[in-house]
Amino acid sequence: MTIKLNTLALCLMTMLLPGLNTTALANKGSTYSLNITIGGTITANGSCKFNQGGALTVDFGEVRLQGNADNSVTMTGVYRKPIVSDFTCSGDSGGLLKFKLSNTGGGEKTYNGVQVLDTDKGIVGIELLVNGVAQSTGSWFTVNQDSLPSLEAQLVQTSTSNSSNVVGGDTFTAAATLVMAFN
């Protein structure tokens, strides 16, 4: 019971005597710091590869361009082809798998806000579709290894000007590389 009275008396003294400081100030002492650099080597033993190897050709066949009186042209029809390329991964290939279509043979053009491969004739370009949605060339997109996307190449008209003087029987080309990587 004396402990309770002493505690009560101390509390009353603290309230009645505001100048009384019951907290002791600690000596802060000196402060020192140490910079630490941490490093290491990352080892990844996984790999992925396309099954067919070599080059893949996408042939749009005969493309119809209708000439107009003002020397402009209009592409008629829809030209869409699948890009069939199976791949396998082995080892430590967990994490996000990603793809990118990189232009290797020429320039790019913007079509409906998306970068597409330009062709050597300049009237048409090739748009990459991932599950039916346009994907800019040169931009990475993620792929679920368990549910592979549908990849398609679609021919799009990027210009109505026949500045290359395209005539019936001309061929057009473009080249790209499909790059695969995982994190």
N, C-alpha and C. Protein backbone atom coordinates (compact mmCIF):
# COMPACT_ATOMS: atom_id res chain seq x y z
N MET A 1 0.82 -1.19 0.00
CA MET A 1 0.00 0.00 0.00
C MET A 1 0.86 1.25 0.00
N THR A 2 2.01 1.23 0.61
CA THR A 2 2.89 2.41 0.60
C THR A 2 3.34 2.72 -0.82
N ILE A 3 3.49 1.74 -1.62
CA ILE A 3 3.92 1.99 -3.00
C ILE A 3 2.86 2.82 -3.71
N LYS A 4 1.60 2.53 -3.48
CA LYS A 4 0.53 3.28 -4.12
C LYS A 4 0.54 4.72 -3.64
N LEU A 5 0.77 4.95 -2.34
CA LEU A 5 0.77 6.31 -1.80
C LEU A 5 1.95 7.09 -2.35
N ASN A 6 3.13 6.47 -2.41
CA ASN A 6 4.30 7.15 -2.93
C ASN A 6 4.10 7.52 -4.40
N THR A 7 3.53 6.61 -5.17
CA THR A 7 3.25 6.89 -6.58
C THR A 7 2.25 8.00 -6.71
N LEU A 8 1.21 8.00 -5.85
CA LEU A 8 0.19 9.05 -5.87
C LEU A 8 0.82 10.38 -5.48
N ALA A 9 1.70 10.38 -4.48
CA ALA A 9 2.34 11.62 -4.04
C ALA A 9 3.22 12.18 -5.14
N LEU A 10 3.96 11.33 -5.87
CA LEU A 10 4.81 11.78 -6.96
C LEU A 10 3.98 12.39 -8.08
N CYS A 11 2.86 11.78 -8.38
CA CYS A 11 1.97 12.30 -9.43
C CYS A 11 1.41 13.65 -9.02
N LEU A 12 1.00 13.81 -7.75
CA LEU A 12 0.46 15.08 -7.27
C LEU A 12 1.53 16.15 -7.30
N MET A 13 2.78 15.82 -6.95
CA MET A 13 3.86 16.80 -6.96
C MET A 13 4.15 17.26 -8.38
N THR A 14 4.09 16.34 -9.33
CA THR A 14 4.34 16.69 -10.73
C THR A 14 3.27 17.64 -11.23
N MET A 15 2.03 17.43 -10.83
CA MET A 15 0.93 18.29 -11.29
C MET A 15 0.96 19.63 -10.59
N LEU A 16 1.32 19.67 -9.30
CA LEU A 16 1.30 20.92 -8.53
C LEU A 16 2.55 21.76 -8.80
N LEU A 17 3.67 21.15 -9.10
CA LEU A 17 4.92 21.86 -9.34
C LEU A 17 5.32 21.70 -10.81
N PRO A 18 4.82 22.56 -11.70
CA PRO A 18 5.09 22.37 -13.12
C PRO A 18 6.55 22.53 -13.48
N GLY A 19 7.34 23.21 -12.72
CA GLY A 19 8.76 23.39 -13.03
C GLY A 19 9.59 22.17 -12.73
N LEU A 20 9.02 21.21 -11.99
CA LEU A 20 9.75 20.01 -11.62
C LEU A 20 9.83 19.08 -12.83
N ASN A 21 11.04 18.77 -13.28
CA ASN A 21 11.23 17.92 -14.45
C ASN A 21 11.62 16.54 -13.95
N THR A 22 10.74 15.57 -14.19
CA THR A 22 11.00 14.21 -13.72
C THR A 22 11.70 13.37 -14.78
N THR A 23 11.91 13.91 -16.00
CA THR A 23 12.57 13.18 -17.06
C THR A 23 14.05 13.54 -17.09
N ALA A 24 14.89 12.54 -17.08
CA ALA A 24 16.32 12.80 -17.14
C ALA A 24 16.75 12.88 -18.59
N LEU A 25 17.59 13.85 -18.93
CA LEU A 25 18.10 13.98 -20.29
C LEU A 25 19.28 13.05 -20.47
N ALA A 26 19.25 12.30 -21.58
CA ALA A 26 20.34 11.37 -21.86
C ALA A 26 21.41 12.06 -22.68
N ASN A 27 22.64 11.66 -22.51
CA ASN A 27 23.74 12.17 -23.29
C ASN A 27 23.69 11.47 -24.65
N LYS A 28 23.52 12.27 -25.71
CA LYS A 28 23.38 11.69 -27.04
C LYS A 28 24.68 11.08 -27.54
N GLY A 29 25.78 11.55 -27.17
CA GLY A 29 27.06 10.99 -27.59
C GLY A 29 27.37 11.31 -29.04
N SER A 30 28.38 10.68 -29.58
CA SER A 30 28.81 10.92 -30.95
C SER A 30 28.05 10.02 -31.91
N THR A 31 27.85 10.48 -33.16
CA THR A 31 27.18 9.69 -34.19
C THR A 31 28.18 9.38 -35.28
N TYR A 32 28.23 8.14 -35.68
CA TYR A 32 29.12 7.69 -36.75
C TYR A 32 28.28 6.97 -37.79
N SER A 33 28.69 7.02 -39.06
CA SER A 33 27.98 6.29 -40.10
C SER A 33 28.97 5.47 -40.90
N LEU A 34 28.46 4.43 -41.54
CA LEU A 34 29.27 3.52 -42.33
C LEU A 34 28.53 3.24 -43.63
N ASN A 35 29.13 3.60 -44.77
CA ASN A 35 28.54 3.28 -46.07
C ASN A 35 28.88 1.85 -46.43
N ILE A 36 27.89 1.09 -46.88
CA ILE A 36 28.08 -0.31 -47.23
C ILE A 36 27.68 -0.51 -48.68
N THR A 37 28.52 -1.14 -49.48
CA THR A 37 28.20 -1.52 -50.85
C THR A 37 28.05 -3.02 -50.89
N ILE A 38 26.95 -3.48 -51.46
CA ILE A 38 26.67 -4.92 -51.52
C ILE A 38 26.61 -5.31 -52.99
N GLY A 39 27.27 -6.37 -53.36
CA GLY A 39 27.30 -6.82 -54.75
C GLY A 39 27.26 -8.32 -54.83
N GLY A 40 27.13 -8.82 -56.03
CA GLY A 40 27.11 -10.26 -56.24
C GLY A 40 26.97 -10.56 -57.71
N THR A 41 26.87 -11.82 -58.04
CA THR A 41 26.72 -12.27 -59.41
C THR A 41 25.43 -13.04 -59.54
N ILE A 42 24.63 -12.67 -60.54
CA ILE A 42 23.37 -13.37 -60.78
C ILE A 42 23.64 -14.49 -61.78
N THR A 43 23.18 -15.66 -61.46
CA THR A 43 23.34 -16.80 -62.35
C THR A 43 21.96 -17.28 -62.77
N ALA A 44 21.73 -17.29 -64.07
CA ALA A 44 20.47 -17.80 -64.61
C ALA A 44 20.81 -18.93 -65.56
N ASN A 45 20.21 -20.06 -65.36
CA ASN A 45 20.53 -21.20 -66.21
C ASN A 45 19.36 -21.58 -67.11
N GLY A 46 18.42 -20.68 -67.28
CA GLY A 46 17.28 -20.95 -68.14
C GLY A 46 17.52 -20.47 -69.55
N SER A 47 16.78 -21.06 -70.47
CA SER A 47 16.86 -20.61 -71.85
C SER A 47 15.54 -20.92 -72.55
N CYS A 48 15.24 -20.11 -73.53
CA CYS A 48 14.07 -20.32 -74.36
C CYS A 48 14.52 -20.24 -75.81
N LYS A 49 13.86 -21.00 -76.67
CA LYS A 49 14.20 -20.94 -78.09
C LYS A 49 12.96 -21.24 -78.91
N PHE A 50 12.96 -20.69 -80.12
CA PHE A 50 11.88 -20.98 -81.07
C PHE A 50 12.13 -22.36 -81.66
N ASN A 51 11.08 -23.14 -81.80
CA ASN A 51 11.23 -24.53 -82.22
C ASN A 51 11.62 -24.72 -83.68
N GLN A 52 11.11 -23.87 -84.57
CA GLN A 52 11.38 -24.12 -85.97
C GLN A 52 12.75 -23.64 -86.41
N GLY A 53 13.36 -22.72 -85.69
CA GLY A 53 14.68 -22.22 -86.07
C GLY A 53 14.64 -21.52 -87.42
N GLY A 54 15.70 -20.87 -87.78
CA GLY A 54 15.77 -20.21 -89.09
C GLY A 54 14.77 -19.07 -89.22
N ALA A 55 14.44 -18.77 -90.45
CA ALA A 55 13.54 -17.66 -90.76
C ALA A 55 12.10 -18.15 -90.94
N LEU A 56 11.18 -17.26 -90.68
CA LEU A 56 9.76 -17.53 -90.85
C LEU A 56 9.26 -16.54 -91.90
N THR A 57 8.59 -17.04 -92.92
CA THR A 57 8.09 -16.18 -93.99
C THR A 57 6.59 -16.02 -93.85
N VAL A 58 6.13 -14.78 -93.92
CA VAL A 58 4.69 -14.49 -93.93
C VAL A 58 4.39 -13.94 -95.32
N ASP A 59 3.59 -14.67 -96.07
CA ASP A 59 3.27 -14.29 -97.44
C ASP A 59 1.80 -13.86 -97.49
N PHE A 60 1.57 -12.61 -97.87
CA PHE A 60 0.21 -12.09 -97.96
C PHE A 60 -0.44 -12.43 -99.30
N GLY A 61 0.31 -13.04 -100.19
CA GLY A 61 -0.26 -13.39 -101.49
C GLY A 61 -0.47 -12.15 -102.34
N GLU A 62 -1.51 -12.20 -103.13
CA GLU A 62 -1.82 -11.09 -104.03
C GLU A 62 -2.58 -10.01 -103.27
N VAL A 63 -2.02 -8.80 -103.27
CA VAL A 63 -2.64 -7.66 -102.58
C VAL A 63 -3.20 -6.73 -103.65
N ARG A 64 -4.45 -6.37 -103.49
CA ARG A 64 -5.12 -5.53 -104.48
C ARG A 64 -5.06 -4.07 -104.08
N LEU A 65 -4.48 -3.27 -104.98
CA LEU A 65 -4.46 -1.82 -104.84
C LEU A 65 -5.24 -1.25 -106.01
N GLN A 66 -6.19 -0.40 -105.70
CA GLN A 66 -7.00 0.22 -106.74
C GLN A 66 -6.46 1.62 -107.01
N GLY A 67 -6.12 1.88 -108.27
CA GLY A 67 -5.62 3.19 -108.66
C GLY A 67 -6.76 4.18 -108.79
N ASN A 68 -6.50 5.41 -108.39
CA ASN A 68 -7.49 6.47 -108.49
C ASN A 68 -7.04 7.50 -109.53
N ALA A 69 -7.95 8.34 -109.98
CA ALA A 69 -7.66 9.33 -111.02
C ALA A 69 -6.56 10.31 -110.62
N ASP A 70 -6.40 10.56 -109.32
CA ASP A 70 -5.40 11.54 -108.87
C ASP A 70 -4.05 10.90 -108.56
N ASN A 71 -3.77 9.70 -109.11
CA ASN A 71 -2.55 8.93 -108.92
C ASN A 71 -2.40 8.40 -107.48
N SER A 72 -3.48 8.44 -106.70
CA SER A 72 -3.45 7.82 -105.38
C SER A 72 -3.93 6.37 -105.51
N VAL A 73 -3.72 5.59 -104.49
CA VAL A 73 -4.14 4.19 -104.50
C VAL A 73 -4.88 3.87 -103.22
N THR A 74 -5.74 2.89 -103.32
CA THR A 74 -6.50 2.42 -102.16
C THR A 74 -6.39 0.90 -102.10
N MET A 75 -6.00 0.37 -100.95
CA MET A 75 -5.92 -1.07 -100.76
C MET A 75 -7.33 -1.61 -100.55
N THR A 76 -7.67 -2.66 -101.27
CA THR A 76 -8.99 -3.28 -101.09
C THR A 76 -8.79 -4.65 -100.45
N GLY A 77 -9.63 -4.95 -99.49
CA GLY A 77 -9.57 -6.25 -98.82
C GLY A 77 -8.83 -6.17 -97.50
N VAL A 78 -8.92 -7.28 -96.76
CA VAL A 78 -8.23 -7.41 -95.47
C VAL A 78 -7.18 -8.50 -95.63
N TYR A 79 -5.97 -8.19 -95.18
CA TYR A 79 -4.86 -9.12 -95.34
C TYR A 79 -4.24 -9.37 -93.96
N ARG A 80 -4.57 -10.53 -93.40
CA ARG A 80 -4.10 -10.90 -92.06
C ARG A 80 -3.63 -12.35 -92.09
N LYS A 81 -2.42 -12.57 -91.58
CA LYS A 81 -1.83 -13.91 -91.57
C LYS A 81 -1.30 -14.23 -90.17
N PRO A 82 -1.44 -15.49 -89.74
CA PRO A 82 -0.89 -15.87 -88.43
C PRO A 82 0.63 -15.95 -88.47
N ILE A 83 1.24 -15.61 -87.36
CA ILE A 83 2.68 -15.82 -87.18
C ILE A 83 2.79 -17.04 -86.28
N VAL A 84 3.07 -18.17 -86.87
CA VAL A 84 3.09 -19.43 -86.13
C VAL A 84 4.53 -19.71 -85.73
N SER A 85 4.76 -19.67 -84.42
CA SER A 85 6.11 -19.92 -83.94
C SER A 85 6.03 -20.48 -82.53
N ASP A 86 6.15 -21.78 -82.41
CA ASP A 86 6.17 -22.40 -81.09
C ASP A 86 7.55 -22.22 -80.47
N PHE A 87 7.59 -22.26 -79.16
CA PHE A 87 8.87 -22.14 -78.47
C PHE A 87 8.85 -23.02 -77.23
N THR A 88 10.03 -23.34 -76.76
CA THR A 88 10.17 -24.12 -75.53
C THR A 88 11.15 -23.41 -74.62
N CYS A 89 10.91 -23.56 -73.33
CA CYS A 89 11.81 -23.00 -72.32
C CYS A 89 12.26 -24.14 -71.42
N SER A 90 13.49 -24.06 -70.93
CA SER A 90 14.00 -25.07 -70.02
C SER A 90 14.85 -24.39 -68.96
N GLY A 91 15.15 -25.14 -67.91
CA GLY A 91 15.96 -24.60 -66.82
C GLY A 91 15.19 -23.58 -66.00
N ASP A 92 15.88 -22.62 -65.47
CA ASP A 92 15.30 -21.59 -64.62
C ASP A 92 14.68 -20.50 -65.50
N SER A 93 13.50 -20.78 -66.02
CA SER A 93 12.85 -19.83 -66.92
C SER A 93 11.61 -19.23 -66.29
N GLY A 94 11.52 -19.24 -64.98
CA GLY A 94 10.38 -18.64 -64.30
C GLY A 94 10.40 -17.14 -64.45
N GLY A 95 9.32 -16.51 -64.13
CA GLY A 95 9.24 -15.06 -64.25
C GLY A 95 8.47 -14.66 -65.49
N LEU A 96 8.53 -13.40 -65.79
CA LEU A 96 7.79 -12.89 -66.93
C LEU A 96 8.52 -13.18 -68.23
N LEU A 97 7.81 -13.75 -69.17
CA LEU A 97 8.32 -13.96 -70.51
C LEU A 97 7.82 -12.78 -71.34
N LYS A 98 8.70 -12.21 -72.16
CA LYS A 98 8.27 -11.08 -72.96
C LYS A 98 8.80 -11.21 -74.38
N PHE A 99 8.05 -10.59 -75.29
CA PHE A 99 8.38 -10.59 -76.71
C PHE A 99 8.48 -9.15 -77.19
N LYS A 100 9.20 -8.99 -78.30
CA LYS A 100 9.27 -7.69 -78.97
C LYS A 100 9.55 -7.95 -80.45
N LEU A 101 8.81 -7.28 -81.32
CA LEU A 101 9.07 -7.37 -82.75
C LEU A 101 9.97 -6.19 -83.11
N SER A 102 11.20 -6.49 -83.53
CA SER A 102 12.17 -5.45 -83.86
C SER A 102 12.37 -5.37 -85.36
N ASN A 103 12.31 -4.18 -85.88
CA ASN A 103 12.50 -3.93 -87.29
C ASN A 103 13.97 -4.15 -87.65
N THR A 104 14.24 -4.93 -88.70
CA THR A 104 15.63 -5.17 -89.10
C THR A 104 15.91 -4.76 -90.54
N GLY A 105 14.89 -4.43 -91.29
CA GLY A 105 15.13 -4.20 -92.69
C GLY A 105 14.72 -2.84 -93.21
N GLY A 106 14.32 -1.93 -92.39
CA GLY A 106 13.87 -0.64 -92.90
C GLY A 106 13.31 0.21 -91.79
N GLY A 107 12.42 1.10 -92.18
CA GLY A 107 11.88 2.04 -91.21
C GLY A 107 10.56 1.57 -90.60
N GLU A 108 10.00 2.48 -89.87
CA GLU A 108 8.69 2.26 -89.26
C GLU A 108 7.81 3.44 -89.60
N LYS A 109 6.52 3.22 -89.54
CA LYS A 109 5.54 4.28 -89.76
C LYS A 109 4.51 4.18 -88.65
N THR A 110 3.83 5.28 -88.44
CA THR A 110 2.75 5.28 -87.46
C THR A 110 1.43 5.07 -88.19
N TYR A 111 0.66 4.09 -87.72
CA TYR A 111 -0.65 3.79 -88.28
C TYR A 111 -1.62 3.69 -87.12
N ASN A 112 -2.61 4.56 -87.07
CA ASN A 112 -3.59 4.59 -85.97
C ASN A 112 -2.92 4.64 -84.60
N GLY A 113 -1.84 5.41 -84.48
CA GLY A 113 -1.15 5.60 -83.21
C GLY A 113 -0.22 4.47 -82.82
N VAL A 114 0.01 3.51 -83.71
CA VAL A 114 0.85 2.34 -83.43
C VAL A 114 1.99 2.32 -84.43
N GLN A 115 3.20 1.98 -83.96
CA GLN A 115 4.34 1.83 -84.87
C GLN A 115 4.21 0.51 -85.63
N VAL A 116 4.28 0.58 -86.96
CA VAL A 116 4.21 -0.61 -87.81
C VAL A 116 5.46 -0.67 -88.67
N LEU A 117 5.77 -1.85 -89.17
CA LEU A 117 6.90 -2.03 -90.07
C LEU A 117 6.58 -1.38 -91.41
N ASP A 118 7.49 -0.58 -91.91
CA ASP A 118 7.34 0.00 -93.23
C ASP A 118 7.84 -1.03 -94.24
N THR A 119 7.29 -0.99 -95.45
CA THR A 119 7.76 -1.87 -96.51
C THR A 119 8.58 -1.06 -97.51
N ASP A 120 9.23 -1.74 -98.39
CA ASP A 120 10.06 -1.06 -99.38
C ASP A 120 9.24 -0.27 -100.40
N LYS A 121 7.93 -0.47 -100.47
CA LYS A 121 7.10 0.27 -101.42
C LYS A 121 6.43 1.48 -100.78
N GLY A 122 6.37 1.56 -99.46
CA GLY A 122 5.88 2.75 -98.77
C GLY A 122 4.38 2.93 -98.73
N ILE A 123 3.62 2.17 -99.48
CA ILE A 123 2.17 2.31 -99.47
C ILE A 123 1.56 1.48 -98.35
N VAL A 124 2.13 0.32 -98.12
CA VAL A 124 1.61 -0.57 -97.10
C VAL A 124 2.65 -0.78 -96.00
N GLY A 125 2.14 -1.08 -94.80
CA GLY A 125 2.97 -1.43 -93.67
C GLY A 125 2.45 -2.71 -93.05
N ILE A 126 3.21 -3.26 -92.13
CA ILE A 126 2.81 -4.52 -91.48
C ILE A 126 2.66 -4.27 -90.00
N GLU A 127 1.46 -4.54 -89.52
CA GLU A 127 1.09 -4.32 -88.13
C GLU A 127 1.10 -5.66 -87.39
N LEU A 128 1.68 -5.67 -86.19
CA LEU A 128 1.67 -6.86 -85.35
C LEU A 128 0.42 -6.84 -84.48
N LEU A 129 -0.33 -7.94 -84.50
CA LEU A 129 -1.50 -8.09 -83.65
C LEU A 129 -1.23 -9.17 -82.61
N VAL A 130 -1.45 -8.84 -81.35
CA VAL A 130 -1.29 -9.78 -80.24
C VAL A 130 -2.68 -10.00 -79.67
N ASN A 131 -3.19 -11.21 -79.84
CA ASN A 131 -4.58 -11.53 -79.46
C ASN A 131 -5.56 -10.54 -80.07
N GLY A 132 -5.31 -10.16 -81.32
CA GLY A 132 -6.20 -9.27 -82.05
C GLY A 132 -6.02 -7.79 -81.78
N VAL A 133 -5.08 -7.42 -80.89
CA VAL A 133 -4.86 -6.02 -80.53
C VAL A 133 -3.52 -5.56 -81.11
N ALA A 134 -3.53 -4.38 -81.74
CA ALA A 134 -2.32 -3.84 -82.35
C ALA A 134 -1.24 -3.59 -81.30
N GLN A 135 0.00 -3.98 -81.63
CA GLN A 135 1.15 -3.81 -80.75
C GLN A 135 2.24 -3.09 -81.52
N SER A 136 2.78 -2.02 -80.96
CA SER A 136 3.85 -1.27 -81.64
C SER A 136 5.10 -2.12 -81.78
N THR A 137 5.73 -2.03 -82.96
CA THR A 137 7.02 -2.69 -83.13
C THR A 137 8.03 -1.99 -82.23
N GLY A 138 8.97 -2.74 -81.72
CA GLY A 138 10.00 -2.18 -80.85
C GLY A 138 9.58 -2.07 -79.40
N SER A 139 8.35 -2.46 -79.06
CA SER A 139 7.87 -2.38 -77.67
C SER A 139 7.66 -3.79 -77.11
N TRP A 140 8.13 -4.00 -75.89
CA TRP A 140 7.98 -5.30 -75.24
C TRP A 140 6.53 -5.53 -74.82
N PHE A 141 6.09 -6.79 -74.89
CA PHE A 141 4.80 -7.19 -74.33
C PHE A 141 4.99 -8.52 -73.61
N THR A 142 4.28 -8.69 -72.50
CA THR A 142 4.46 -9.90 -71.69
C THR A 142 3.63 -11.05 -72.26
N VAL A 143 4.13 -12.25 -72.01
CA VAL A 143 3.50 -13.46 -72.51
C VAL A 143 3.40 -14.45 -71.35
N ASN A 144 2.25 -15.07 -71.22
CA ASN A 144 2.05 -16.12 -70.23
C ASN A 144 2.46 -17.44 -70.89
N GLN A 145 3.46 -18.11 -70.33
CA GLN A 145 3.96 -19.36 -70.91
C GLN A 145 2.89 -20.44 -70.96
N ASP A 146 1.92 -20.36 -70.05
CA ASP A 146 0.87 -21.37 -69.99
C ASP A 146 -0.30 -21.07 -70.92
N SER A 147 -0.38 -19.85 -71.42
CA SER A 147 -1.46 -19.44 -72.31
C SER A 147 -0.88 -18.50 -73.37
N LEU A 148 -0.32 -19.09 -74.41
CA LEU A 148 0.38 -18.31 -75.43
C LEU A 148 -0.58 -17.43 -76.22
N PRO A 149 -0.14 -16.23 -76.57
CA PRO A 149 -1.01 -15.34 -77.34
C PRO A 149 -1.06 -15.75 -78.81
N SER A 150 -2.07 -15.27 -79.48
CA SER A 150 -2.17 -15.42 -80.92
C SER A 150 -1.43 -14.24 -81.54
N LEU A 151 -0.43 -14.52 -82.38
CA LEU A 151 0.34 -13.48 -83.06
C LEU A 151 -0.03 -13.48 -84.53
N GLU A 152 -0.35 -12.28 -85.04
CA GLU A 152 -0.72 -12.15 -86.45
C GLU A 152 -0.03 -10.94 -87.05
N ALA A 153 0.21 -11.01 -88.35
CA ALA A 153 0.71 -9.87 -89.12
C ALA A 153 -0.45 -9.40 -89.99
N GLN A 154 -0.70 -8.11 -89.95
CA GLN A 154 -1.79 -7.55 -90.75
C GLN A 154 -1.25 -6.45 -91.64
N LEU A 155 -1.60 -6.51 -92.90
CA LEU A 155 -1.19 -5.50 -93.86
C LEU A 155 -2.11 -4.29 -93.70
N VAL A 156 -1.50 -3.10 -93.57
CA VAL A 156 -2.27 -1.86 -93.42
C VAL A 156 -1.78 -0.84 -94.44
N GLN A 157 -2.68 0.02 -94.88
CA GLN A 157 -2.30 1.05 -95.84
C GLN A 157 -1.79 2.26 -95.08
N THR A 158 -0.52 2.61 -95.28
CA THR A 158 0.09 3.72 -94.55
C THR A 158 0.18 4.99 -95.39
N SER A 159 -0.08 4.87 -96.68
CA SER A 159 -0.05 6.05 -97.55
C SER A 159 -0.95 5.79 -98.75
N THR A 160 -1.56 6.84 -99.27
CA THR A 160 -2.34 6.72 -100.50
C THR A 160 -1.54 7.21 -101.69
N SER A 161 -0.40 7.83 -101.44
CA SER A 161 0.45 8.36 -102.50
C SER A 161 1.24 7.24 -103.15
N ASN A 162 1.22 7.19 -104.45
CA ASN A 162 1.99 6.19 -105.19
C ASN A 162 3.34 6.77 -105.58
N SER A 163 4.06 7.27 -104.59
CA SER A 163 5.35 7.92 -104.86
C SER A 163 6.41 6.93 -105.35
N SER A 164 6.25 5.65 -105.09
CA SER A 164 7.21 4.64 -105.57
C SER A 164 6.79 4.09 -106.93
N ASN A 165 5.71 4.64 -107.50
CA ASN A 165 5.20 4.19 -108.81
C ASN A 165 4.98 2.68 -108.84
N VAL A 166 4.24 2.19 -107.86
CA VAL A 166 3.92 0.77 -107.77
C VAL A 166 2.99 0.41 -108.93
N VAL A 167 3.29 -0.69 -109.58
CA VAL A 167 2.45 -1.19 -110.67
C VAL A 167 2.11 -2.65 -110.38
N GLY A 168 1.12 -3.17 -111.10
CA GLY A 168 0.72 -4.56 -110.95
C GLY A 168 1.91 -5.49 -111.13
N GLY A 169 2.03 -6.47 -110.29
CA GLY A 169 3.12 -7.44 -110.36
C GLY A 169 4.30 -7.11 -109.47
N ASP A 170 4.35 -5.86 -108.95
CA ASP A 170 5.43 -5.50 -108.02
C ASP A 170 5.31 -6.31 -106.73
N THR A 171 6.41 -6.55 -106.10
CA THR A 171 6.41 -7.21 -104.79
C THR A 171 6.88 -6.21 -103.74
N PHE A 172 6.53 -6.49 -102.51
CA PHE A 172 6.98 -5.64 -101.41
C PHE A 172 7.59 -6.54 -100.34
N THR A 173 8.51 -5.97 -99.57
CA THR A 173 9.15 -6.74 -98.51
C THR A 173 9.34 -5.87 -97.27
N ALA A 174 9.48 -6.54 -96.16
CA ALA A 174 9.85 -5.94 -94.88
C ALA A 174 10.52 -7.05 -94.08
N ALA A 175 11.37 -6.69 -93.15
CA ALA A 175 12.06 -7.70 -92.35
C ALA A 175 12.03 -7.30 -90.88
N ALA A 176 11.85 -8.28 -90.02
CA ALA A 176 11.81 -8.02 -88.59
C ALA A 176 12.30 -9.26 -87.86
N THR A 177 12.62 -9.09 -86.59
CA THR A 177 13.02 -10.19 -85.73
C THR A 177 12.11 -10.23 -84.53
N LEU A 178 11.58 -11.40 -84.22
CA LEU A 178 10.79 -11.57 -83.01
C LEU A 178 11.76 -11.97 -81.90
N VAL A 179 11.90 -11.11 -80.90
CA VAL A 179 12.85 -11.31 -79.81
C VAL A 179 12.10 -11.82 -78.59
N MET A 180 12.65 -12.82 -77.92
CA MET A 180 12.05 -13.39 -76.73
C MET A 180 13.05 -13.27 -75.57
N ALA A 181 12.54 -12.87 -74.40
CA ALA A 181 13.40 -12.77 -73.21
C ALA A 181 12.55 -13.07 -71.99
N PHE A 182 13.21 -13.42 -70.89
CA PHE A 182 12.47 -13.61 -69.64
C PHE A 182 13.25 -12.99 -68.51
N ASN A 183 12.51 -12.56 -67.47
CA ASN A 183 13.12 -11.95 -66.27
C ASN A 183 13.21 -13.00 -65.20
